[in-house]
All heavy atoms as atom14 arrays in JSON, in Angstrom:
{
  "sequence": "CVDQVKGLGVNSYIKAMEILSEIFRNDDGGQYE",
  "atom14_mask": [
    [1, 1, 1, 1, 1, 1, 0, 0, 0, 0, 0, 0, 0, 0],
    [1, 1, 1, 1, 1, 1, 1, 0, 0, 0, 0, 0, 0, 0],
    [1, 1, 1, 1, 1, 1, 1, 1, 0, 0, 0, 0, 0, 0],
    [1, 1, 1, 1, 1, 1, 1, 1, 1, 0, 0, 0, 0, 0],
    [1, 1, 1, 1, 1, 1, 1, 0, 0, 0, 0, 0, 0, 0],
    [1, 1, 1, 1, 1, 1, 1, 1, 1, 0, 0, 0, 0, 0],
    [1, 1, 1, 1, 0, 0, 0, 0, 0, 0, 0, 0, 0, 0],
    [1, 1, 1, 1, 1, 1, 1, 1, 0, 0, 0, 0, 0, 0],
    [1, 1, 1, 1, 0, 0, 0, 0, 0, 0, 0, 0, 0, 0],
    [1, 1, 1, 1, 1, 1, 1, 0, 0, 0, 0, 0, 0, 0],
    [1, 1, 1, 1, 1, 1, 1, 1, 0, 0, 0, 0, 0, 0],
    [1, 1, 1, 1, 1, 1, 0, 0, 0, 0, 0, 0, 0, 0],
    [1, 1, 1, 1, 1, 1, 1, 1, 1, 1, 1, 1, 0, 0],
    [1, 1, 1, 1, 1, 1, 1, 1, 0, 0, 0, 0, 0, 0],
    [1, 1, 1, 1, 1, 1, 1, 1, 1, 0, 0, 0, 0, 0],
    [1, 1, 1, 1, 1, 0, 0, 0, 0, 0, 0, 0, 0, 0],
    [1, 1, 1, 1, 1, 1, 1, 1, 0, 0, 0, 0, 0, 0],
    [1, 1, 1, 1, 1, 1, 1, 1, 1, 0, 0, 0, 0, 0],
    [1, 1, 1, 1, 1, 1, 1, 1, 0, 0, 0, 0, 0, 0],
    [1, 1, 1, 1, 1, 1, 1, 1, 0, 0, 0, 0, 0, 0],
    [1, 1, 1, 1, 1, 1, 0, 0, 0, 0, 0, 0, 0, 0],
    [1, 1, 1, 1, 1, 1, 1, 1, 1, 0, 0, 0, 0, 0],
    [1, 1, 1, 1, 1, 1, 1, 1, 0, 0, 0, 0, 0, 0],
    [1, 1, 1, 1, 1, 1, 1, 1, 1, 1, 1, 0, 0, 0],
    [1, 1, 1, 1, 1, 1, 1, 1, 1, 1, 1, 0, 0, 0],
    [1, 1, 1, 1, 1, 1, 1, 1, 0, 0, 0, 0, 0, 0],
    [1, 1, 1, 1, 1, 1, 1, 1, 0, 0, 0, 0, 0, 0],
    [1, 1, 1, 1, 1, 1, 1, 1, 0, 0, 0, 0, 0, 0],
    [1, 1, 1, 1, 0, 0, 0, 0, 0, 0, 0, 0, 0, 0],
    [1, 1, 1, 1, 0, 0, 0, 0, 0, 0, 0, 0, 0, 0],
    [1, 1, 1, 1, 1, 1, 1, 1, 1, 0, 0, 0, 0, 0],
    [1, 1, 1, 1, 1, 1, 1, 1, 1, 1, 1, 1, 0, 0],
    [1, 1, 1, 1, 1, 1, 1, 1, 1, 0, 0, 0, 0, 0]
  ],
  "atom14_positions": [
    [[9.33, 12.09, -6.23], [9.17, 11.48, -7.58], [8.97, 12.58, -8.69], [8.52, 13.67, -8.22], [7.96, 10.63, -7.47], [8.03, 9.19, -6.36], [0.0, 0.0, 0.0], [0.0, 0.0, 0.0], [0.0, 0.0, 0.0], [0.0, 0.0, 0.0], [0.0, 0.0, 0.0], [0.0, 0.0, 0.0], [0.0, 0.0, 0.0], [0.0, 0.0, 0.0]],
    [[9.19, 12.21, -9.87], [8.98, 13.19, -10.89], [7.62, 13.4, -11.21], [7.07, 14.38, -11.92], [9.9, 12.95, -12.19], [11.41, 12.99, -11.73], [9.56, 11.58, -12.8], [0.0, 0.0, 0.0], [0.0, 0.0, 0.0], [0.0, 0.0, 0.0], [0.0, 0.0, 0.0], [0.0, 0.0, 0.0], [0.0, 0.0, 0.0], [0.0, 0.0, 0.0]],
    [[6.8, 12.36, -10.94], [5.36, 12.37, -11.25], [4.66, 11.3, -10.4], [5.25, 10.44, -9.9], [5.17, 12.06, -12.77], [3.82, 12.74, -13.37], [2.89, 13.16, -12.48], [3.72, 13.0, -14.61], [0.0, 0.0, 0.0], [0.0, 0.0, 0.0], [0.0, 0.0, 0.0], [0.0, 0.0, 0.0], [0.0, 0.0, 0.0], [0.0, 0.0, 0.0]],
    [[3.39, 11.47, -10.35], [2.43, 10.5, -9.76], [1.23, 10.13, -10.66], [0.7, 11.22, -11.22], [1.89, 10.97, -8.41], [1.0, 10.03, -7.61], [0.33, 10.68, -6.48], [-0.59, 11.53, -6.77], [0.56, 10.19, -5.28], [0.0, 0.0, 0.0], [0.0, 0.0, 0.0], [0.0, 0.0, 0.0], [0.0, 0.0, 0.0], [0.0, 0.0, 0.0]],
    [[1.01, 8.93, -11.03], [-0.09, 8.59, -11.85], [-1.02, 7.63, -11.12], [-0.45, 6.71, -10.53], [0.57, 7.8, -13.14], [-0.69, 7.57, -14.17], [1.6, 8.64, -13.84], [0.0, 0.0, 0.0], [0.0, 0.0, 0.0], [0.0, 0.0, 0.0], [0.0, 0.0, 0.0], [0.0, 0.0, 0.0], [0.0, 0.0, 0.0], [0.0, 0.0, 0.0]],
    [[-2.22, 8.0, -11.01], [-3.13, 7.2, -10.28], [-4.57, 7.19, -10.92], [-4.81, 7.96, -11.66], [-3.26, 7.93, -8.92], [-3.67, 9.32, -8.89], [-3.72, 10.04, -7.61], [-4.26, 11.47, -7.71], [-3.23, 12.4, -8.19], [0.0, 0.0, 0.0], [0.0, 0.0, 0.0], [0.0, 0.0, 0.0], [0.0, 0.0, 0.0], [0.0, 0.0, 0.0]],
    [[-5.31, 6.05, -10.49], [-6.65, 6.02, -10.88], [-6.93, 5.43, -12.35], [-8.04, 5.58, -12.76], [0.0, 0.0, 0.0], [0.0, 0.0, 0.0], [0.0, 0.0, 0.0], [0.0, 0.0, 0.0], [0.0, 0.0, 0.0], [0.0, 0.0, 0.0], [0.0, 0.0, 0.0], [0.0, 0.0, 0.0], [0.0, 0.0, 0.0], [0.0, 0.0, 0.0]],
    [[-5.97, 4.89, -13.05], [-6.12, 4.49, -14.38], [-6.03, 3.1, -14.59], [-5.86, 2.46, -15.58], [-4.96, 5.15, -15.35], [-4.83, 6.74, -15.37], [-3.72, 7.08, -16.06], [-6.32, 7.37, -15.88], [0.0, 0.0, 0.0], [0.0, 0.0, 0.0], [0.0, 0.0, 0.0], [0.0, 0.0, 0.0], [0.0, 0.0, 0.0], [0.0, 0.0, 0.0]],
    [[-6.04, 2.33, -13.33], [-5.91, 0.87, -13.36], [-4.59, 0.44, -14.0], [-3.58, 1.23, -13.7], [0.0, 0.0, 0.0], [0.0, 0.0, 0.0], [0.0, 0.0, 0.0], [0.0, 0.0, 0.0], [0.0, 0.0, 0.0], [0.0, 0.0, 0.0], [0.0, 0.0, 0.0], [0.0, 0.0, 0.0], [0.0, 0.0, 0.0], [0.0, 0.0, 0.0]],
    [[-4.48, -0.59, -14.76], [-3.2, -0.89, -15.36], [-2.52, 0.24, -16.24], [-1.35, 0.19, -16.32], [-3.4, -2.25, -16.24], [-4.2, -2.11, -17.35], [-2.01, -2.8, -16.6], [0.0, 0.0, 0.0], [0.0, 0.0, 0.0], [0.0, 0.0, 0.0], [0.0, 0.0, 0.0], [0.0, 0.0, 0.0], [0.0, 0.0, 0.0], [0.0, 0.0, 0.0]],
    [[-3.47, 1.03, -16.66], [-3.01, 2.12, -17.48], [-2.04, 3.15, -16.79], [-1.3, 3.99, -17.34], [-4.06, 2.82, -18.37], [-4.59, 1.92, -19.37], [-3.82, 1.28, -20.15], [-5.87, 1.95, -19.58], [0.0, 0.0, 0.0], [0.0, 0.0, 0.0], [0.0, 0.0, 0.0], [0.0, 0.0, 0.0], [0.0, 0.0, 0.0], [0.0, 0.0, 0.0]],
    [[-2.11, 3.04, -15.47], [-1.37, 3.89, -14.61], [0.14, 3.57, -14.81], [1.08, 4.47, -15.03], [-1.57, 3.7, -13.1], [-2.8, 4.29, -12.78], [0.0, 0.0, 0.0], [0.0, 0.0, 0.0], [0.0, 0.0, 0.0], [0.0, 0.0, 0.0], [0.0, 0.0, 0.0], [0.0, 0.0, 0.0], [0.0, 0.0, 0.0], [0.0, 0.0, 0.0]],
    [[0.37, 2.21, -14.89], [1.87, 1.83, -15.24], [2.17, 2.07, -16.72], [3.32, 2.66, -16.85], [1.94, 0.3, -15.09], [1.77, -0.27, -13.69], [0.59, -0.64, -13.06], [2.94, -0.31, -12.8], [0.41, -1.09, -11.86], [2.82, -0.73, -11.67], [1.53, -1.22, -11.03], [1.55, -1.68, -9.74], [0.0, 0.0, 0.0], [0.0, 0.0, 0.0]],
    [[1.26, 2.04, -17.61], [1.51, 2.32, -18.91], [1.78, 3.81, -19.16], [2.81, 4.24, -19.86], [0.3, 2.0, -19.91], [-0.06, 0.37, -19.78], [0.5, 2.35, -21.34], [1.16, -0.48, -20.1], [0.0, 0.0, 0.0], [0.0, 0.0, 0.0], [0.0, 0.0, 0.0], [0.0, 0.0, 0.0], [0.0, 0.0, 0.0], [0.0, 0.0, 0.0]],
    [[1.09, 4.73, -18.52], [1.23, 6.07, -18.58], [2.73, 6.41, -17.96], [3.45, 7.34, -18.53], [0.24, 6.92, -17.88], [0.32, 8.35, -17.77], [0.05, 9.0, -19.18], [0.27, 10.47, -19.14], [0.2, 10.99, -20.34], [0.0, 0.0, 0.0], [0.0, 0.0, 0.0], [0.0, 0.0, 0.0], [0.0, 0.0, 0.0], [0.0, 0.0, 0.0]],
    [[2.97, 5.87, -16.88], [4.4, 6.11, -16.29], [5.45, 5.75, -17.23], [6.51, 6.31, -17.27], [4.44, 5.18, -14.96], [0.0, 0.0, 0.0], [0.0, 0.0, 0.0], [0.0, 0.0, 0.0], [0.0, 0.0, 0.0], [0.0, 0.0, 0.0], [0.0, 0.0, 0.0], [0.0, 0.0, 0.0], [0.0, 0.0, 0.0], [0.0, 0.0, 0.0]],
    [[5.2, 4.55, -17.87], [6.28, 4.09, -18.85], [6.43, 5.21, -20.06], [7.5, 5.43, -20.35], [5.84, 2.78, -19.57], [5.72, 1.61, -18.63], [6.98, 0.42, -18.49], [7.41, 0.19, -20.06], [0.0, 0.0, 0.0], [0.0, 0.0, 0.0], [0.0, 0.0, 0.0], [0.0, 0.0, 0.0], [0.0, 0.0, 0.0], [0.0, 0.0, 0.0]],
    [[5.28, 5.67, -20.41], [5.27, 6.85, -21.43], [6.12, 7.98, -21.04], [6.97, 8.6, -21.7], [4.01, 7.13, -21.91], [3.29, 6.01, -22.71], [1.82, 6.2, -22.88], [1.15, 7.0, -22.43], [1.27, 5.36, -23.79], [0.0, 0.0, 0.0], [0.0, 0.0, 0.0], [0.0, 0.0, 0.0], [0.0, 0.0, 0.0], [0.0, 0.0, 0.0]],
    [[5.75, 8.34, -19.72], [6.39, 9.55, -19.12], [7.94, 9.29, -19.05], [8.69, 10.26, -19.28], [5.79, 9.84, -17.77], [4.34, 10.33, -17.91], [6.69, 10.87, -17.0], [3.57, 10.38, -16.57], [0.0, 0.0, 0.0], [0.0, 0.0, 0.0], [0.0, 0.0, 0.0], [0.0, 0.0, 0.0], [0.0, 0.0, 0.0], [0.0, 0.0, 0.0]],
    [[8.34, 8.11, -18.56], [9.8, 7.9, -18.41], [10.46, 7.94, -19.69], [11.48, 8.4, -19.97], [10.0, 6.6, -17.66], [9.92, 6.57, -16.25], [10.16, 5.09, -15.64], [10.88, 7.56, -15.49], [0.0, 0.0, 0.0], [0.0, 0.0, 0.0], [0.0, 0.0, 0.0], [0.0, 0.0, 0.0], [0.0, 0.0, 0.0], [0.0, 0.0, 0.0]],
    [[9.76, 7.28, -20.67], [10.3, 7.24, -22.13], [10.53, 8.59, -22.72], [11.64, 8.93, -23.33], [9.44, 6.49, -23.05], [9.42, 5.1, -22.7], [0.0, 0.0, 0.0], [0.0, 0.0, 0.0], [0.0, 0.0, 0.0], [0.0, 0.0, 0.0], [0.0, 0.0, 0.0], [0.0, 0.0, 0.0], [0.0, 0.0, 0.0], [0.0, 0.0, 0.0]],
    [[9.67, 9.51, -22.3], [9.8, 11.0, -22.85], [10.95, 11.66, -22.08], [11.69, 12.39, -22.58], [8.45, 11.79, -22.5], [8.49, 13.11, -22.97], [8.51, 13.33, -24.42], [8.17, 12.36, -25.31], [8.96, 14.44, -24.94], [0.0, 0.0, 0.0], [0.0, 0.0, 0.0], [0.0, 0.0, 0.0], [0.0, 0.0, 0.0], [0.0, 0.0, 0.0]],
    [[11.07, 11.32, -20.76], [12.13, 11.88, -20.02], [13.58, 11.27, -20.7], [14.46, 12.1, -20.84], [12.1, 11.41, -18.46], [10.98, 12.25, -17.75], [13.39, 11.71, -17.77], [10.71, 11.86, -16.47], [0.0, 0.0, 0.0], [0.0, 0.0, 0.0], [0.0, 0.0, 0.0], [0.0, 0.0, 0.0], [0.0, 0.0, 0.0], [0.0, 0.0, 0.0]],
    [[13.7, 10.01, -20.97], [14.79, 9.5, -21.54], [15.1, 10.21, -22.88], [16.27, 10.51, -23.1], [14.59, 8.03, -21.85], [14.42, 7.13, -20.55], [13.8, 5.93, -20.78], [14.92, 7.44, -19.38], [13.52, 5.2, -19.62], [14.73, 6.76, -18.19], [14.03, 5.58, -18.36], [0.0, 0.0, 0.0], [0.0, 0.0, 0.0], [0.0, 0.0, 0.0]],
    [[14.21, 10.41, -23.74], [14.29, 11.13, -25.0], [14.92, 12.58, -24.74], [15.63, 13.06, -25.7], [13.06, 11.23, -25.76], [12.76, 9.86, -26.62], [11.67, 10.05, -27.6], [10.42, 10.44, -27.0], [9.58, 9.66, -26.54], [9.76, 8.32, -26.43], [8.44, 10.08, -26.05], [0.0, 0.0, 0.0], [0.0, 0.0, 0.0], [0.0, 0.0, 0.0]],
    [[14.51, 13.18, -23.69], [14.87, 14.61, -23.48], [15.99, 14.83, -22.47], [16.22, 15.87, -22.1], [13.61, 15.39, -23.01], [12.54, 15.4, -24.12], [12.84, 15.63, -25.34], [11.24, 15.29, -23.67], [0.0, 0.0, 0.0], [0.0, 0.0, 0.0], [0.0, 0.0, 0.0], [0.0, 0.0, 0.0], [0.0, 0.0, 0.0], [0.0, 0.0, 0.0]],
    [[16.47, 13.59, -22.05], [17.57, 13.63, -21.03], [18.79, 14.42, -21.47], [19.35, 14.13, -22.41], [17.9, 12.23, -20.6], [18.86, 12.18, -19.36], [19.03, 13.23, -18.76], [19.4, 11.09, -19.11], [0.0, 0.0, 0.0], [0.0, 0.0, 0.0], [0.0, 0.0, 0.0], [0.0, 0.0, 0.0], [0.0, 0.0, 0.0], [0.0, 0.0, 0.0]],
    [[19.24, 15.35, -20.64], [20.34, 16.08, -20.8], [21.41, 15.91, -19.74], [22.47, 16.63, -19.66], [20.15, 17.66, -20.92], [19.55, 18.16, -19.62], [19.43, 17.52, -18.61], [19.32, 19.36, -19.6], [0.0, 0.0, 0.0], [0.0, 0.0, 0.0], [0.0, 0.0, 0.0], [0.0, 0.0, 0.0], [0.0, 0.0, 0.0], [0.0, 0.0, 0.0]],
    [[21.09, 14.81, -19.08], [22.16, 14.5, -17.95], [21.94, 15.27, -16.64], [22.74, 15.12, -15.78], [0.0, 0.0, 0.0], [0.0, 0.0, 0.0], [0.0, 0.0, 0.0], [0.0, 0.0, 0.0], [0.0, 0.0, 0.0], [0.0, 0.0, 0.0], [0.0, 0.0, 0.0], [0.0, 0.0, 0.0], [0.0, 0.0, 0.0], [0.0, 0.0, 0.0]],
    [[20.96, 16.05, -16.68], [20.77, 16.95, -15.53], [19.88, 16.38, -14.4], [19.54, 15.21, -14.51], [0.0, 0.0, 0.0], [0.0, 0.0, 0.0], [0.0, 0.0, 0.0], [0.0, 0.0, 0.0], [0.0, 0.0, 0.0], [0.0, 0.0, 0.0], [0.0, 0.0, 0.0], [0.0, 0.0, 0.0], [0.0, 0.0, 0.0], [0.0, 0.0, 0.0]],
    [[19.53, 17.24, -13.52], [18.57, 16.83, -12.47], [17.21, 16.69, -12.98], [16.85, 17.47, -13.91], [18.6, 17.68, -11.24], [19.91, 17.71, -10.42], [19.97, 16.36, -9.65], [20.68, 15.5, -10.1], [19.23, 16.25, -8.79], [0.0, 0.0, 0.0], [0.0, 0.0, 0.0], [0.0, 0.0, 0.0], [0.0, 0.0, 0.0], [0.0, 0.0, 0.0]],
    [[16.35, 15.83, -12.35], [14.99, 15.84, -12.75], [14.02, 16.53, -11.87], [14.3, 16.6, -10.58], [14.62, 14.27, -12.74], [15.57, 13.39, -13.53], [16.51, 12.67, -13.0], [15.27, 13.35, -14.92], [17.43, 11.96, -13.79], [16.11, 12.59, -15.62], [17.11, 11.88, -15.19], [17.97, 11.25, -15.86], [0.0, 0.0, 0.0], [0.0, 0.0, 0.0]],
    [[13.22, 17.36, -12.49], [12.25, 18.15, -11.64], [11.2, 17.28, -11.0], [10.6, 16.47, -11.65], [11.61, 19.13, -12.62], [10.87, 20.11, -11.78], [10.34, 21.36, -12.7], [11.12, 21.71, -13.58], [9.28, 21.86, -12.41], [0.0, 0.0, 0.0], [0.0, 0.0, 0.0], [0.0, 0.0, 0.0], [0.0, 0.0, 0.0], [0.0, 0.0, 0.0]]
  ]
}
């Protein structure tokens, strides 16, 4: 996985959505670290 978010309750999902949105904004079509 590109990241692991834990211990934030429902905000774990919200934080993951924010991370993915940032990845989408910066996507250059390459591989994900």
